[in-house]
Amino acid sequence: MSVTLPAGVFIVPASSSPEKGSSVDPEVLSGQQKSCARNDVQLFLAHSERSSGQLRKKVLSLGYSDAVADSTVSWAEQYGFVDDNRFCTMFIASRTMGLAGFRMELSKRGVPKAAVETALASISETDGMQDLIRQVSKKYGHLENRETARRRALAWLSRRGFSGETIHRVLEGAL
């Protein structure tokens, strides 16, 4: 349920909603709104790891104010429900991408630039070169026309943000 006051619209649990025409203490409403937002956040975070940016966006999409969203994200970070460094590490470990691809995808997910750069400092595009060569070979090695295979592999690697040098090395090794 939402309650409209001069200070804004507040979301409150139905069990503690005020009677129509009764006076409402904005401090009490603000506390209830934060409590509701924290409950919603816990449900949202139960499904998978999220970044602080994704969490803030979700809280705002549920109708909470900017102040409540900021407070809720801070609370989630304080208690370890959200950790951008942990999110970056898990994201990087679960995907095949180049550095540019990781930067773009992580920034789209609302990860602060400092956390992205910290996570990317520990990896290199050449770390998984043999795995990448194996993937490209498996994916495009069966194609009879070698030029078509190279063109498709180049496009696939480019879309994932690999550098030109890495793409060249992978194509030489795989096709």
Protein backbone atom coordinates (compact mmCIF):
# COMPACT_ATOMS: atom_id res chain seq x y z
CA MET A 1 0.00 0.00 0.00
CA SER A 2 1.25 3.53 -0.61
CA VAL A 3 0.60 6.64 1.44
CA THR A 4 0.94 10.13 -0.03
CA LEU A 5 2.33 12.87 2.19
CA PRO A 6 3.72 16.32 1.40
CA ALA A 7 7.23 14.78 1.64
CA GLY A 8 6.39 12.18 -1.03
CA VAL A 9 4.75 8.82 -1.59
CA PHE A 10 5.64 6.12 0.94
CA ILE A 11 5.21 2.38 0.65
CA VAL A 12 4.05 0.73 3.87
CA PRO A 13 3.00 -2.81 4.76
CA ALA A 14 -0.75 -3.34 4.61
CA SER A 15 -0.77 -4.60 8.21
CA SER A 16 0.44 -1.25 9.52
CA SER A 17 -1.26 1.08 7.09
CA PRO A 18 -2.89 4.12 8.67
CA GLU A 19 -6.62 4.69 8.80
CA LYS A 20 -8.00 7.05 6.19
CA GLY A 21 -7.88 10.60 7.55
CA SER A 22 -5.59 9.75 10.48
CA SER A 23 -2.32 11.58 11.12
CA VAL A 24 0.92 9.82 10.19
CA ASP A 25 4.39 10.38 11.57
CA PRO A 26 6.80 10.57 8.57
CA GLU A 27 9.63 9.10 10.69
CA VAL A 28 7.58 5.99 11.41
CA LEU A 29 6.64 5.70 7.74
CA SER A 30 10.25 6.07 6.67
CA GLY A 31 11.31 3.29 9.05
CA GLN A 32 8.54 1.03 7.78
CA GLN A 33 9.48 1.79 4.21
CA LYS A 34 13.13 0.85 4.87
CA SER A 35 12.01 -2.36 6.54
CA CYS A 36 9.81 -3.28 3.58
CA ALA A 37 12.60 -2.46 1.14
CA ARG A 38 15.04 -4.69 3.05
CA ASN A 39 12.57 -7.58 2.93
CA ASP A 40 12.10 -7.09 -0.82
CA VAL A 41 15.89 -6.95 -1.30
CA GLN A 42 16.42 -10.21 0.55
CA LEU A 43 13.95 -11.95 -1.75
CA PHE A 44 15.61 -10.41 -4.83
CA LEU A 45 19.10 -11.45 -3.72
CA ALA A 46 18.05 -15.01 -2.86
CA HIS A 47 18.07 -15.99 -6.54
CA SER A 48 21.56 -14.96 -7.64
CA GLU A 49 24.52 -12.68 -7.03
CA ARG A 50 23.78 -9.04 -7.91
CA SER A 51 25.73 -5.82 -8.17
CA SER A 52 24.94 -2.73 -6.10
CA GLY A 53 23.74 -1.00 -9.27
CA GLN A 54 21.31 -3.80 -10.08
CA LEU A 55 20.04 -3.77 -6.52
CA ARG A 56 19.49 0.00 -6.52
CA LYS A 57 17.65 -0.22 -9.85
CA LYS A 58 15.40 -2.98 -8.49
CA VAL A 59 14.57 -1.05 -5.30
CA LEU A 60 13.68 2.04 -7.35
CA SER A 61 11.54 -0.06 -9.73
CA LEU A 62 9.53 -1.27 -6.73
CA GLY A 63 8.49 2.34 -6.06
CA TYR A 64 10.80 3.28 -3.21
CA SER A 65 12.40 6.72 -3.01
CA ASP A 66 16.04 7.48 -3.84
CA ALA A 67 16.85 7.92 -0.15
CA VAL A 68 15.39 4.53 0.76
CA ALA A 69 17.14 2.90 -2.21
CA ASP A 70 20.51 4.35 -1.16
CA SER A 71 19.94 3.35 2.45
CA THR A 72 18.93 -0.19 1.45
CA VAL A 73 21.95 -0.67 -0.82
CA SER A 74 24.26 0.58 1.95
CA TRP A 75 22.61 -1.82 4.39
CA ALA A 76 23.01 -4.74 1.94
CA GLU A 77 26.69 -3.88 1.41
CA GLN A 78 27.30 -3.53 5.15
CA TYR A 79 25.89 -7.00 5.87
CA GLY A 80 27.58 -8.65 2.89
CA PHE A 81 24.45 -9.33 0.86
CA VAL A 82 25.98 -7.32 -2.00
CA ASP A 83 29.67 -7.09 -2.85
CA ASP A 84 30.68 -5.63 -6.21
CA ASN A 85 34.14 -7.22 -6.08
CA ARG A 86 32.61 -10.66 -5.45
CA PHE A 87 30.08 -10.05 -8.23
CA CYS A 88 32.88 -9.12 -10.68
CA THR A 89 34.93 -12.19 -9.79
CA MET A 90 31.96 -14.53 -10.27
CA PHE A 91 30.90 -12.83 -13.48
CA ILE A 92 34.40 -13.03 -14.99
CA ALA A 93 34.81 -16.68 -14.01
CA SER A 94 31.52 -17.66 -15.65
CA ARG A 95 31.99 -16.02 -19.07
CA THR A 96 34.26 -16.16 -22.10
CA MET A 97 35.01 -12.54 -22.96
CA GLY A 98 37.80 -10.13 -23.61
CA LEU A 99 38.69 -7.25 -21.34
CA ALA A 100 36.62 -4.76 -23.33
CA GLY A 101 33.62 -7.11 -23.22
CA PHE A 102 33.90 -7.49 -19.46
CA ARG A 103 34.14 -3.71 -18.98
CA MET A 104 31.03 -3.13 -21.07
CA GLU A 105 28.94 -5.91 -19.49
CA LEU A 106 29.90 -5.06 -15.91
CA SER A 107 29.20 -1.36 -16.42
CA LYS A 108 25.78 -2.27 -17.89
CA ARG A 109 25.11 -4.16 -14.69
CA GLY A 110 25.82 -1.09 -12.56
CA VAL A 111 29.21 -2.10 -11.14
CA PRO A 112 31.34 0.92 -10.13
CA LYS A 113 34.30 1.53 -12.43
CA ALA A 114 36.84 1.07 -9.60
CA ALA A 115 35.53 -2.44 -8.85
CA VAL A 116 35.63 -3.36 -12.54
CA GLU A 117 39.21 -2.19 -12.94
CA THR A 118 40.29 -4.00 -9.76
CA ALA A 119 38.78 -7.26 -11.01
CA LEU A 120 40.22 -6.90 -14.52
CA ALA A 121 43.70 -6.12 -13.19
CA SER A 122 44.04 -9.73 -12.08
CA ILE A 123 43.31 -11.28 -15.49
CA SER A 124 44.81 -11.22 -18.95
CA GLU A 125 43.25 -12.07 -22.29
CA THR A 126 46.03 -14.57 -22.92
CA ASP A 127 45.29 -16.55 -19.72
CA GLY A 128 42.69 -18.80 -21.34
CA MET A 129 44.18 -18.80 -24.82
CA GLN A 130 44.24 -22.62 -25.19
CA ASP A 131 40.62 -22.91 -24.04
CA LEU A 132 39.61 -20.17 -26.43
CA ILE A 133 41.42 -21.87 -29.33
CA ARG A 134 39.67 -25.13 -28.43
CA GLN A 135 36.27 -23.40 -28.34
CA VAL A 136 36.76 -21.73 -31.71
CA SER A 137 38.03 -24.98 -33.24
CA LYS A 138 35.02 -26.89 -31.95
CA LYS A 139 32.55 -24.19 -32.97
CA TYR A 140 33.89 -23.34 -36.43
CA GLY A 141 36.45 -26.03 -37.36
CA HIS A 142 33.85 -28.27 -38.98
CA LEU A 143 32.97 -25.68 -41.63
CA GLU A 144 34.31 -26.68 -45.05
CA ASN A 145 34.89 -23.15 -46.31
CA ARG A 146 37.88 -21.93 -44.31
CA GLU A 147 37.19 -18.26 -45.07
CA THR A 148 33.62 -18.52 -43.78
CA ALA A 149 34.89 -20.19 -40.61
CA ARG A 150 37.48 -17.44 -40.05
CA ARG A 151 34.94 -14.68 -40.70
CA ARG A 152 32.38 -16.17 -38.29
CA ALA A 153 35.00 -16.83 -35.60
CA LEU A 154 36.33 -13.28 -35.95
CA ALA A 155 32.82 -11.86 -35.54
CA TRP A 156 32.14 -14.12 -32.52
CA LEU A 157 35.38 -13.08 -30.80
CA SER A 158 34.84 -9.39 -31.64
CA ARG A 159 31.34 -9.39 -30.13
CA ARG A 160 32.85 -10.72 -26.92
CA GLY A 161 35.31 -7.85 -26.67
CA PHE A 162 38.59 -9.56 -27.48
CA SER A 163 41.44 -7.42 -28.79
CA GLY A 164 42.63 -7.66 -32.39
CA GLU A 165 45.89 -9.27 -31.30
CA THR A 166 44.09 -11.98 -29.32
CA ILE A 167 41.68 -12.64 -32.19
CA HIS A 168 44.61 -13.02 -34.60
CA ARG A 169 46.38 -15.51 -32.28
CA VAL A 170 43.21 -17.56 -31.75
CA LEU A 171 42.42 -17.72 -35.47
CA GLU A 172 45.99 -18.81 -36.26
CA GLY A 173 45.84 -21.53 -33.64
CA ALA A 174 42.31 -22.76 -34.28
CA LEU A 175 41.69 -22.57 -38.02
